[in-house]
Structures are given as C-alpha cells and as structure tokens.
Amino acid sequence: MTVYAKDTVLLADNVVIFNSVERGGVGKGGNININAATLSLIDGAQLQTLTRGASDMLSAGQGDAG
C-alpha cells in the first residue's frame, strides 16, 4: 500500500492501516509506504505489519509482514 500526499497525512480515531501474513500463510504481507511532508497518528490510530503466531490448528505464518 502506498499513500502519497503533498502535505500532511493524519490518521485518527482508532484508524488502522494493516498488512499481515496470517496463520498457516506463507509469503509477504506487503509494505506500508507513506510519502508526505508530515505523518500524524492520534487518538489510537496505528500502522501495523505482522506475522501471526501459531494456533492450536494452524502453524505460524511464514514470511515478511512488511
């Protein structure tokens, strides 16, 4: 995912931009690219990339979350 902004990117109110490799999955979750003069995350907003761990039924994800 890529976000381009001339000036400011503002994420607020628990907004989440999220990429992942899920349980049992193999591969690359993808990068989060933000091109802006200013990036602000407020009031619980998040940028996340993760590789999920194993569960009782599925192996851990394998790969690069981003």
PDB file of N, CA and C in Angstrom:
ATOM      1  N   MET A   1       0.841  -1.160   0.000  1.00  0.00           N
ATOM      2  CA  MET A   1       0.000   0.000   0.000  1.00  0.00           C
ATOM      3  C   MET A   1       0.888   1.225   0.000  1.00  0.00           C
ATOM      4  N   THR A   2       0.559   2.194  -0.837  1.00  0.00           N
ATOM      5  CA  THR A   2       1.292   3.454  -0.876  1.00  0.00           C
ATOM      6  C   THR A   2       0.316   4.615  -0.802  1.00  0.00           C
ATOM      7  N   VAL A   3       0.625   5.559   0.070  1.00  0.00           N
ATOM      8  CA  VAL A   3      -0.162   6.783   0.211  1.00  0.00           C
ATOM      9  C   VAL A   3       0.751   7.946  -0.157  1.00  0.00           C
ATOM     10  N   TYR A   4       0.315   8.763  -1.102  1.00  0.00           N
ATOM     11  CA  TYR A   4       1.048   9.967  -1.485  1.00  0.00           C
ATOM     12  C   TYR A   4       0.250  11.187  -1.057  1.00  0.00           C
ATOM     13  N   ALA A   5       0.917  12.131  -0.402  1.00  0.00           N
ATOM     14  CA  ALA A   5       0.259  13.377  -0.012  1.00  0.00           C
ATOM     15  C   ALA A   5       1.244  14.517  -0.184  1.00  0.00           C
ATOM     16  N   LYS A   6       0.759  15.615  -0.671  1.00  0.00           N
ATOM     17  CA  LYS A   6       1.616  16.782  -0.868  1.00  0.00           C
ATOM     18  C   LYS A   6       2.072  17.366   0.462  1.00  0.00           C
ATOM     19  N   ASP A   7       1.169  17.386   1.452  1.00  0.00           N
ATOM     20  CA  ASP A   7       1.490  17.999   2.735  1.00  0.00           C
ATOM     21  C   ASP A   7       1.395  17.002   3.893  1.00  0.00           C
ATOM     22  N   THR A   8       0.184  16.754   4.375  1.00  0.00           N
ATOM     23  CA  THR A   8       0.003  16.031   5.631  1.00  0.00           C
ATOM     24  C   THR A   8      -0.907  14.820   5.472  1.00  0.00           C
ATOM     25  N   VAL A   9      -0.545  13.741   6.149  1.00  0.00           N
ATOM     26  CA  VAL A   9      -1.427  12.591   6.322  1.00  0.00           C
ATOM     27  C   VAL A   9      -1.743  12.521   7.811  1.00  0.00           C
ATOM     28  N   LEU A  10      -3.029  12.521   8.141  1.00  0.00           N
ATOM     29  CA  LEU A  10      -3.488  12.456   9.526  1.00  0.00           C
ATOM     30  C   LEU A  10      -4.382  11.239   9.686  1.00  0.00           C
ATOM     31  N   LEU A  11      -4.000  10.345  10.575  1.00  0.00           N
ATOM     32  CA  LEU A  11      -4.823   9.181  10.925  1.00  0.00           C
ATOM     33  C   LEU A  11      -5.292   9.384  12.358  1.00  0.00           C
ATOM     34  N   ALA A  12      -6.600   9.231  12.585  1.00  0.00           N
ATOM     35  CA  ALA A  12      -7.160   9.498  13.912  1.00  0.00           C
ATOM     36  C   ALA A  12      -8.279   8.521  14.235  1.00  0.00           C
ATOM     37  N   ASP A  13      -8.692   8.529  15.494  1.00  0.00           N
ATOM     38  CA  ASP A  13      -9.874   7.793  15.957  1.00  0.00           C
ATOM     39  C   ASP A  13      -9.796   6.296  15.686  1.00  0.00           C
ATOM     40  N   ASN A  14      -8.706   5.670  16.105  1.00  0.00           N
ATOM     41  CA  ASN A  14      -8.524   4.218  16.018  1.00  0.00           C
ATOM     42  C   ASN A  14      -8.463   3.666  14.599  1.00  0.00           C
ATOM     43  N   VAL A  15      -8.179   4.503  13.608  1.00  0.00           N
ATOM     44  CA  VAL A  15      -7.976   4.015  12.238  1.00  0.00           C
ATOM     45  C   VAL A  15      -6.704   3.167  12.222  1.00  0.00           C
ATOM     46  N   VAL A  16      -6.746   2.047  11.495  1.00  0.00           N
ATOM     47  CA  VAL A  16      -5.584   1.174  11.395  1.00  0.00           C
ATOM     48  C   VAL A  16      -5.306   0.886   9.921  1.00  0.00           C
ATOM     49  N   ILE A  17      -4.067   1.077   9.501  1.00  0.00           N
ATOM     50  CA  ILE A  17      -3.594   0.589   8.202  1.00  0.00           C
ATOM     51  C   ILE A  17      -2.779  -0.652   8.540  1.00  0.00           C
ATOM     52  N   PHE A  18      -3.143  -1.796   7.926  1.00  0.00           N
ATOM     53  CA  PHE A  18      -2.718  -3.092   8.431  1.00  0.00           C
ATOM     54  C   PHE A  18      -2.350  -4.024   7.279  1.00  0.00           C
ATOM     55  N   ASN A  19      -1.194  -4.683   7.392  1.00  0.00           N
ATOM     56  CA  ASN A  19      -0.793  -5.754   6.477  1.00  0.00           C
ATOM     57  C   ASN A  19      -0.313  -6.925   7.321  1.00  0.00           C
ATOM     58  N   SER A  20      -0.579  -8.154   6.863  1.00  0.00           N
ATOM     59  CA  SER A  20      -0.155  -9.300   7.667  1.00  0.00           C
ATOM     60  C   SER A  20       0.079 -10.544   6.830  1.00  0.00           C
ATOM     61  N   VAL A  21       0.837 -11.480   7.426  1.00  0.00           N
ATOM     62  CA  VAL A  21       0.915 -12.862   6.961  1.00  0.00           C
ATOM     63  C   VAL A  21       0.155 -13.651   8.021  1.00  0.00           C
ATOM     64  N   GLU A  22      -0.957 -14.243   7.647  1.00  0.00           N
ATOM     65  CA  GLU A  22      -1.847 -14.916   8.593  1.00  0.00           C
ATOM     66  C   GLU A  22      -1.327 -16.301   8.974  1.00  0.00           C
ATOM     67  N   ARG A  23      -1.899 -16.867  10.032  1.00  0.00           N
ATOM     68  CA  ARG A  23      -1.567 -18.230  10.460  1.00  0.00           C
ATOM     69  C   ARG A  23      -1.735 -19.184   9.285  1.00  0.00           C
ATOM     70  N   GLY A  24      -0.780 -20.065   9.125  1.00  0.00           N
ATOM     71  CA  GLY A  24      -0.838 -21.031   8.036  1.00  0.00           C
ATOM     72  C   GLY A  24      -0.422 -20.460   6.697  1.00  0.00           C
ATOM     73  N   GLY A  25      -0.229 -19.143   6.616  1.00  0.00           N
ATOM     74  CA  GLY A  25       0.138 -18.497   5.360  1.00  0.00           C
ATOM     75  C   GLY A  25       1.641 -18.428   5.164  1.00  0.00           C
ATOM     76  N   VAL A  26       2.042 -18.308   3.896  1.00  0.00           N
ATOM     77  CA  VAL A  26       3.441 -18.149   3.536  1.00  0.00           C
ATOM     78  C   VAL A  26       3.517 -17.040   2.511  1.00  0.00           C
ATOM     79  N   GLY A  27       4.419 -16.093   2.720  1.00  0.00           N
ATOM     80  CA  GLY A  27       4.581 -15.037   1.728  1.00  0.00           C
ATOM     81  C   GLY A  27       4.891 -13.704   2.350  1.00  0.00           C
ATOM     82  N   LYS A  28       4.625 -12.666   1.591  1.00  0.00           N
ATOM     83  CA  LYS A  28       4.914 -11.309   2.024  1.00  0.00           C
ATOM     84  C   LYS A  28       3.602 -10.552   2.219  1.00  0.00           C
ATOM     85  N   GLY A  29       3.404 -10.004   3.401  1.00  0.00           N
ATOM     86  CA  GLY A  29       2.185  -9.259   3.705  1.00  0.00           C
ATOM     87  C   GLY A  29       2.097  -7.950   2.950  1.00  0.00           C
ATOM     88  N   GLY A  30       3.216  -7.347   2.647  1.00  0.00           N
ATOM     89  CA  GLY A  30       3.239  -6.098   1.898  1.00  0.00           C
ATOM     90  C   GLY A  30       3.681  -4.930   2.756  1.00  0.00           C
ATOM     91  N   ASN A  31       4.302  -3.971   2.128  1.00  0.00           N
ATOM     92  CA  ASN A  31       4.790  -2.788   2.820  1.00  0.00           C
ATOM     93  C   ASN A  31       3.707  -1.737   2.939  1.00  0.00           C
ATOM     94  N   ILE A  32       3.878  -0.854   3.893  1.00  0.00           N
ATOM     95  CA  ILE A  32       3.057   0.332   4.026  1.00  0.00           C
ATOM     96  C   ILE A  32       3.987   1.506   3.757  1.00  0.00           C
ATOM     97  N   ASN A  33       3.789   2.186   2.643  1.00  0.00           N
ATOM     98  CA  ASN A  33       4.618   3.333   2.270  1.00  0.00           C
ATOM     99  C   ASN A  33       3.782   4.598   2.348  1.00  0.00           C
ATOM    100  N   ILE A  34       4.268   5.561   3.093  1.00  0.00           N
ATOM    101  CA  ILE A  34       3.576   6.849   3.192  1.00  0.00           C
ATOM    102  C   ILE A  34       4.577   7.934   2.816  1.00  0.00           C
ATOM    103  N   ASN A  35       4.271   8.631   1.723  1.00  0.00           N
ATOM    104  CA  ASN A  35       5.107   9.730   1.246  1.00  0.00           C
ATOM    105  C   ASN A  35       4.368  11.028   1.492  1.00  0.00           C
ATOM    106  N   ALA A  36       4.789  11.763   2.525  1.00  0.00           N
ATOM    107  CA  ALA A  36       4.135  13.010   2.907  1.00  0.00           C
ATOM    108  C   ALA A  36       5.147  13.872   3.656  1.00  0.00           C
ATOM    109  N   ALA A  37       4.894  15.160   3.700  1.00  0.00           N
ATOM    110  CA  ALA A  37       5.755  16.053   4.477  1.00  0.00           C
ATOM    111  C   ALA A  37       5.601  15.763   5.964  1.00  0.00           C
ATOM    112  N   THR A  38       4.371  15.427   6.404  1.00  0.00           N
ATOM    113  CA  THR A  38       4.083  15.161   7.811  1.00  0.00           C
ATOM    114  C   THR A  38       3.122  13.983   7.924  1.00  0.00           C
ATOM    115  N   LEU A  39       3.404  13.098   8.870  1.00  0.00           N
ATOM    116  CA  LEU A  39       2.509  11.990   9.206  1.00  0.00           C
ATOM    117  C   LEU A  39       2.161  12.116  10.677  1.00  0.00           C
ATOM    118  N   SER A  40       0.868  12.130  10.988  1.00  0.00           N
ATOM    119  CA  SER A  40       0.416  12.197  12.379  1.00  0.00           C
ATOM    120  C   SER A  40      -0.552  11.055  12.652  1.00  0.00           C
ATOM    121  N   LEU A  41      -0.322  10.352  13.751  1.00  0.00           N
ATOM    122  CA  LEU A  41      -1.226   9.302  14.232  1.00  0.00           C
ATOM    123  C   LEU A  41      -1.689   9.737  15.613  1.00  0.00           C
ATOM    124  N   ILE A  42      -3.017   9.927  15.778  1.00  0.00           N
ATOM    125  CA  ILE A  42      -3.547  10.398  17.056  1.00  0.00           C
ATOM    126  C   ILE A  42      -4.769   9.586  17.459  1.00  0.00           C
ATOM    127  N   ASP A  43      -5.099   9.662  18.721  1.00  0.00           N
ATOM    128  CA  ASP A  43      -6.318   9.039  19.262  1.00  0.00           C
ATOM    129  C   ASP A  43      -6.437   7.563  18.906  1.00  0.00           C
ATOM    130  N   GLY A  44      -5.338   6.813  19.049  1.00  0.00           N
ATOM    131  CA  GLY A  44      -5.374   5.370  18.848  1.00  0.00           C
ATOM    132  C   GLY A  44      -5.099   4.889  17.435  1.00  0.00           C
ATOM    133  N   ALA A  45      -4.828   5.775  16.495  1.00  0.00           N
ATOM    134  CA  ALA A  45      -4.524   5.359  15.121  1.00  0.00           C
ATOM    135  C   ALA A  45      -3.220   4.558  15.097  1.00  0.00           C
ATOM    136  N   GLN A  46      -3.119   3.593  14.149  1.00  0.00           N
ATOM    137  CA  GLN A  46      -1.960   2.704  14.097  1.00  0.00           C
ATOM    138  C   GLN A  46      -1.565   2.354  12.672  1.00  0.00           C
ATOM    139  N   LEU A  47      -0.268   2.107  12.489  1.00  0.00           N
ATOM    140  CA  LEU A  47       0.262   1.427  11.310  1.00  0.00           C
ATOM    141  C   LEU A  47       0.780   0.088  11.820  1.00  0.00           C
ATOM    142  N   GLN A  48       0.364  -1.029  11.201  1.00  0.00           N
ATOM    143  CA  GLN A  48       0.777  -2.349  11.683  1.00  0.00           C
ATOM    144  C   GLN A  48       1.157  -3.253  10.529  1.00  0.00           C
ATOM    145  N   THR A  49       2.251  -3.972  10.712  1.00  0.00           N
ATOM    146  CA  THR A  49       2.558  -5.129   9.878  1.00  0.00           C
ATOM    147  C   THR A  49       2.918  -6.256  10.837  1.00  0.00           C
ATOM    148  N   LEU A  50       2.405  -7.445  10.585  1.00  0.00           N
ATOM    149  CA  LEU A  50       2.720  -8.540  11.498  1.00  0.00           C
ATOM    150  C   LEU A  50       2.629  -9.883  10.805  1.00  0.00           C
ATOM    151  N   THR A  51       3.327 -10.842  11.418  1.00  0.00           N
ATOM    152  CA  THR A  51       3.241 -12.246  11.023  1.00  0.00           C
ATOM    153  C   THR A  51       2.612 -12.974  12.201  1.00  0.00           C
ATOM    154  N   ARG A  52       1.443 -13.565  11.994  1.00  0.00           N
ATOM    155  CA  ARG A  52       0.693 -14.203  13.081  1.00  0.00           C
ATOM    156  C   ARG A  52       1.392 -15.459  13.576  1.00  0.00           C
ATOM    157  N   GLY A  53       1.330 -15.667  14.887  1.00  0.00           N
ATOM    158  CA  GLY A  53       1.874 -16.860  15.518  1.00  0.00           C
ATOM    159  C   GLY A  53       0.960 -18.063  15.327  1.00  0.00           C
ATOM    160  N   ALA A  54       1.444 -19.205  15.763  1.00  0.00           N
ATOM    161  CA  ALA A  54       0.696 -20.457  15.615  1.00  0.00           C
ATOM    162  C   ALA A  54      -0.534 -20.473  16.519  1.00  0.00           C
ATOM    163  N   SER A  55      -1.506 -21.286  16.122  1.00  0.00           N
ATOM    164  CA  SER A  55      -2.677 -21.560  16.953  1.00  0.00           C
ATOM    165  C   SER A  55      -2.757 -23.067  17.147  1.00  0.00           C
ATOM    166  N   ASP A  56      -3.786 -23.536  17.809  1.00  0.00           N
ATOM    167  CA  ASP A  56      -3.946 -24.982  18.007  1.00  0.00           C
ATOM    168  C   ASP A  56      -4.091 -25.729  16.689  1.00  0.00           C
ATOM    169  N   MET A  57      -4.653 -25.078  15.672  1.00  0.00           N
ATOM    170  CA  MET A  57      -4.956 -25.771  14.418  1.00  0.00           C
ATOM    171  C   MET A  57      -4.064 -25.372  13.243  1.00  0.00           C
ATOM    172  N   LEU A  58      -3.360 -24.233  13.343  1.00  0.00           N
ATOM    173  CA  LEU A  58      -2.560 -23.740  12.218  1.00  0.00           C
ATOM    174  C   LEU A  58      -1.153 -23.379  12.663  1.00  0.00           C
ATOM    175  N   SER A  59      -0.203 -23.610  11.768  1.00  0.00           N
ATOM    176  CA  SER A  59       1.173 -23.213  12.053  1.00  0.00           C
ATOM    177  C   SER A  59       1.305 -21.692  11.956  1.00  0.00           C
ATOM    178  N   ALA A  60       2.383 -21.177  12.497  1.00  0.00           N
ATOM    179  CA  ALA A  60       2.650 -19.736  12.422  1.00  0.00           C
ATOM    180  C   ALA A  60       2.807 -19.324  10.963  1.00  0.00           C
ATOM    181  N   GLY A  61       2.424 -18.088  10.684  1.00  0.00           N
ATOM    182  CA  GLY A  61       2.675 -17.555   9.348  1.00  0.00           C
ATOM    183  C   GLY A  61       4.172 -17.513   9.089  1.00  0.00           C
ATOM    184  N   GLN A  62       4.546 -17.658   7.832  1.00  0.00           N
ATOM    185  CA  GLN A  62       5.950 -17.639   7.452  1.00  0.00           C
ATOM    186  C   GLN A  62       6.171 -16.597   6.382  1.00  0.00           C
ATOM    187  N   GLY A  63       7.010 -15.627   6.675  1.00  0.00           N
ATOM    188  CA  GLY A  63       7.315 -14.622   5.666  1.00  0.00           C
ATOM    189  C   GLY A  63       7.524 -13.255   6.286  1.00  0.00           C
ATOM    190  N   ASP A  64       7.606 -12.286   5.415  1.00  0.00           N
ATOM    191  CA  ASP A  64       7.874 -10.898   5.789  1.00  0.00           C
ATOM    192  C   ASP A  64       6.557 -10.151   5.834  1.00  0.00           C
ATOM    193  N   ALA A  65       6.176  -9.680   7.012  1.00  0.00           N
ATOM    194  CA  ALA A  65       4.903  -8.961   7.149  1.00  0.00           C
ATOM    195  C   ALA A  65       4.910  -7.635   6.400  1.00  0.00           C
ATOM    196  N   GLY A  66       6.038  -7.014   6.256  1.00  0.00           N
ATOM    197  CA  GLY A  66       6.116  -5.746   5.537  1.00  0.00           C
ATOM    198  C   GLY A  66       7.163  -4.858   6.100  1.00  0.00           C
TER     199      GLY A  66
END
